[in-house]
Amino acid sequence: MTMNDTVELKEQSQWMQAHIKWLKRQVREVKERKNTADQPTNIDREIFAADMELQDYIKMLKEHGYKT
């Protein structure tokens, strides 16, 4: 493994961490919209979809040997 490989892995890991944070924020924002007076009619489906996307991404990382 060269020094460039180490840097590349670190950058990839930082991107993955940022993506997880973004997915968590998406879930939180959709859940917050549920508590508003003008909530969309399909809010429960949006919450489910956002949560499943987060869970699927974390599962994929674990399957490829990454800690989450």
C-alpha atoms as a PDB file:
ATOM      1  CA  MET A   1       0.000   0.000   0.000  1.00  0.00           C
ATOM      2  CA  THR A   2       1.416   3.360  -0.955  1.00  0.00           C
ATOM      3  CA  MET A   3       0.958   6.674   0.822  1.00  0.00           C
ATOM      4  CA  ASN A   4      -1.487   7.740  -1.918  1.00  0.00           C
ATOM      5  CA  ASP A   5      -3.673   4.710  -1.188  1.00  0.00           C
ATOM      6  CA  THR A   6      -3.862   5.718   2.490  1.00  0.00           C
ATOM      7  CA  VAL A   7      -4.903   9.264   1.595  1.00  0.00           C
ATOM      8  CA  GLU A   8      -7.488   7.987  -0.870  1.00  0.00           C
ATOM      9  CA  LEU A   9      -9.043   5.698   1.760  1.00  0.00           C
ATOM     10  CA  LYS A  10      -9.176   8.545   4.278  1.00  0.00           C
ATOM     11  CA  GLU A  11     -10.913  10.851   1.790  1.00  0.00           C
ATOM     12  CA  GLN A  12     -13.387   8.120   0.898  1.00  0.00           C
ATOM     13  CA  SER A  13     -14.145   7.561   4.561  1.00  0.00           C
ATOM     14  CA  GLN A  14     -14.712  11.293   5.101  1.00  0.00           C
ATOM     15  CA  TRP A  15     -17.146  11.324   2.179  1.00  0.00           C
ATOM     16  CA  MET A  16     -18.993   8.341   3.607  1.00  0.00           C
ATOM     17  CA  GLN A  17     -19.255  10.043   6.996  1.00  0.00           C
ATOM     18  CA  ALA A  18     -20.589  13.189   5.350  1.00  0.00           C
ATOM     19  CA  HIS A  19     -23.142  11.134   3.401  1.00  0.00           C
ATOM     20  CA  ILE A  20     -24.360   9.412   6.577  1.00  0.00           C
ATOM     21  CA  LYS A  21     -24.771  12.802   8.277  1.00  0.00           C
ATOM     22  CA  TRP A  22     -26.714  14.088   5.267  1.00  0.00           C
ATOM     23  CA  LEU A  23     -29.016  11.045   5.273  1.00  0.00           C
ATOM     24  CA  LYS A  24     -29.647  11.445   9.015  1.00  0.00           C
ATOM     25  CA  ARG A  25     -30.468  15.109   8.471  1.00  0.00           C
ATOM     26  CA  GLN A  26     -32.927  14.142   5.730  1.00  0.00           C
ATOM     27  CA  VAL A  27     -34.712  11.740   8.101  1.00  0.00           C
ATOM     28  CA  ARG A  28     -34.842  14.375  10.852  1.00  0.00           C
ATOM     29  CA  GLU A  29     -36.189  17.071   8.515  1.00  0.00           C
ATOM     30  CA  VAL A  30     -38.940  14.818   7.152  1.00  0.00           C
ATOM     31  CA  LYS A  31     -39.963  13.847  10.698  1.00  0.00           C
ATOM     32  CA  GLU A  32     -40.064  17.540  11.662  1.00  0.00           C
ATOM     33  CA  ARG A  33     -42.350  18.263   8.693  1.00  0.00           C
ATOM     34  CA  LYS A  34     -44.808  15.727  10.073  1.00  0.00           C
ATOM     35  CA  ASN A  35     -45.407  18.014  13.067  1.00  0.00           C
ATOM     36  CA  THR A  36     -46.388  21.007  10.940  1.00  0.00           C
ATOM     37  CA  ALA A  37     -49.910  22.098  10.074  1.00  0.00           C
ATOM     38  CA  ASP A  38     -49.238  21.846   6.327  1.00  0.00           C
ATOM     39  CA  GLN A  39     -47.739  18.361   6.326  1.00  0.00           C
ATOM     40  CA  PRO A  40     -47.825  16.481   3.029  1.00  0.00           C
ATOM     41  CA  THR A  41     -50.426  13.707   2.767  1.00  0.00           C
ATOM     42  CA  ASN A  42     -47.728  11.099   2.115  1.00  0.00           C
ATOM     43  CA  ILE A  43     -45.449  12.142   5.004  1.00  0.00           C
ATOM     44  CA  ASP A  44     -45.375   8.673   6.582  1.00  0.00           C
ATOM     45  CA  ARG A  45     -44.185   7.214   3.272  1.00  0.00           C
ATOM     46  CA  GLU A  46     -41.497   9.917   3.020  1.00  0.00           C
ATOM     47  CA  ILE A  47     -40.306   9.156   6.554  1.00  0.00           C
ATOM     48  CA  PHE A  48     -40.184   5.431   5.770  1.00  0.00           C
ATOM     49  CA  ALA A  49     -38.279   6.013   2.513  1.00  0.00           C
ATOM     50  CA  ALA A  50     -35.731   8.350   4.105  1.00  0.00           C
ATOM     51  CA  ASP A  51     -35.170   5.974   7.009  1.00  0.00           C
ATOM     52  CA  MET A  52     -34.795   2.969   4.699  1.00  0.00           C
ATOM     53  CA  GLU A  53     -32.251   4.827   2.550  1.00  0.00           C
ATOM     54  CA  LEU A  54     -30.178   5.553   5.664  1.00  0.00           C
ATOM     55  CA  GLN A  55     -30.437   1.963   6.907  1.00  0.00           C
ATOM     56  CA  ASP A  56     -29.577   0.523   3.502  1.00  0.00           C
ATOM     57  CA  TYR A  57     -26.499   2.741   3.167  1.00  0.00           C
ATOM     58  CA  ILE A  58     -25.223   1.799   6.629  1.00  0.00           C
ATOM     59  CA  LYS A  59     -25.860  -1.890   5.901  1.00  0.00           C
ATOM     60  CA  MET A  60     -23.922  -1.641   2.629  1.00  0.00           C
ATOM     61  CA  LEU A  61     -20.964  -0.019   4.401  1.00  0.00           C
ATOM     62  CA  LYS A  62     -20.917  -2.738   7.052  1.00  0.00           C
ATOM     63  CA  GLU A  63     -21.068  -5.435   4.368  1.00  0.00           C
ATOM     64  CA  HIS A  64     -17.969  -3.897   2.762  1.00  0.00           C
ATOM     65  CA  GLY A  65     -16.053  -3.844   6.042  1.00  0.00           C
ATOM     66  CA  TYR A  66     -16.466  -0.215   7.051  1.00  0.00           C
ATOM     67  CA  LYS A  67     -17.213   0.850  10.595  1.00  0.00           C
ATOM     68  CA  THR A  68     -20.220   3.127  10.952  1.00  0.00           C
END
